[in-house]
Structures are given as structure tokens and as C-alpha cells.
Amino acid sequence: MLFRSGISKTCTIVPLASLVPRCLPMIPLHLRIENFLSYRSCELSFQGLHTACICGINGAGKSSLLESMTWALWGKCRAPSEDDLIRSGTESATVDITFLCEGTVYRVLRSRPRNKTGALEFQIRDGEHNFRSISQRTLQGTQQAIEQVLKMDYETFKIGRASCRER
């Protein structure tokens, strides 16, 4: 994979690995969505995919898929309030994402009942199919643990996402 760098009109192309030799990407493996924005129920497996393309007509839910991952991992999305991310006519939203990071499989489950405080669970794979909780005592502590594994907070993620849109 190549990365383009340089501020002038001339770009230098260097291998991405040479820029971040100790930082491996977070690779999504599985996503399950319940009553999040436009989705009633959706389950996706990313295993075996090297590159994924999400395409569809306006309003089909392409952005909602990405927003669901953002909300699960950082607890933030484009909805004006957390209750607005809950699908109309339902009482709660849940997103469950499993991902690989630096050779370890993790799972984040975030849920939000309407007009109530949400829940966040952070897990690590313990064996072939079992997960064990590595959640902290508080939601904020658990969020910090997720960000430590990802090596990225929401603000850094937003900057990266915005720079991709500008290209």
C-alpha cells in the first residue's frame, strides 16, 4: 500500500509501512446492527475481504453503516442526540463490532435505550469463539481502553476521515 505525502505540488510516494512500522490497522471482521438510524437489523462479515466498496442509491444507508462503526467504537455519530440514532418506532439501538488489531480479536457492544443511559462492553477473544470482558468500572474508563487499543481517539479519526473526503 502506498501513501502520498508532501505539501508542494510534487508528491513523494513512500511505502505506508515505512511511516508507521509499529502501528497495524484495525481490521473489522464482523458487524451487527439493530435499530440504528435506517437499519432495523443488519449483519455483515468482513472476513476474507481485502478491500470493500459500499455502493447504493442516496438514502440506502451507506453512511449509516460507517456511522454505526463510529458510534460503537467512539460513542459519537452525526445524529443530533443519542436518542436520534435509535430507529424510529423502536426503543433501543445496538451495534456489535468485532475487529482485529495487532493480532488480537476484540469486540465492542454499545447499546442505547431511548431516554436512558447507554451501555458499553469491551471484550477480548479468549479461545476459539469465546470472549471475556475487559470493560472498566465506568463507561469513560471503558471508552479510554478502546481508544488505547485503537491508538486513536474520535477527533483524530474525524481528521483522517475529513482528509480522505478532500481528495
Foldseek 3Di string as FASTA:
>chain_A
DWDWDDDDPDTDIDRPCVVPVPFDAKFWAKKWKDQFAPDNTDIDGCPPPPDDDDDDDPPPCSVVVVQLVLCQQAVDGDQPDPLNRGHPPDFKIKMWIWIDTPRWIKIWIWMDGHPDDIDIWIWTDDPDPDTDTPADPDPVRRSVVSCVRNVDHPVRVVVVVVVVVVD
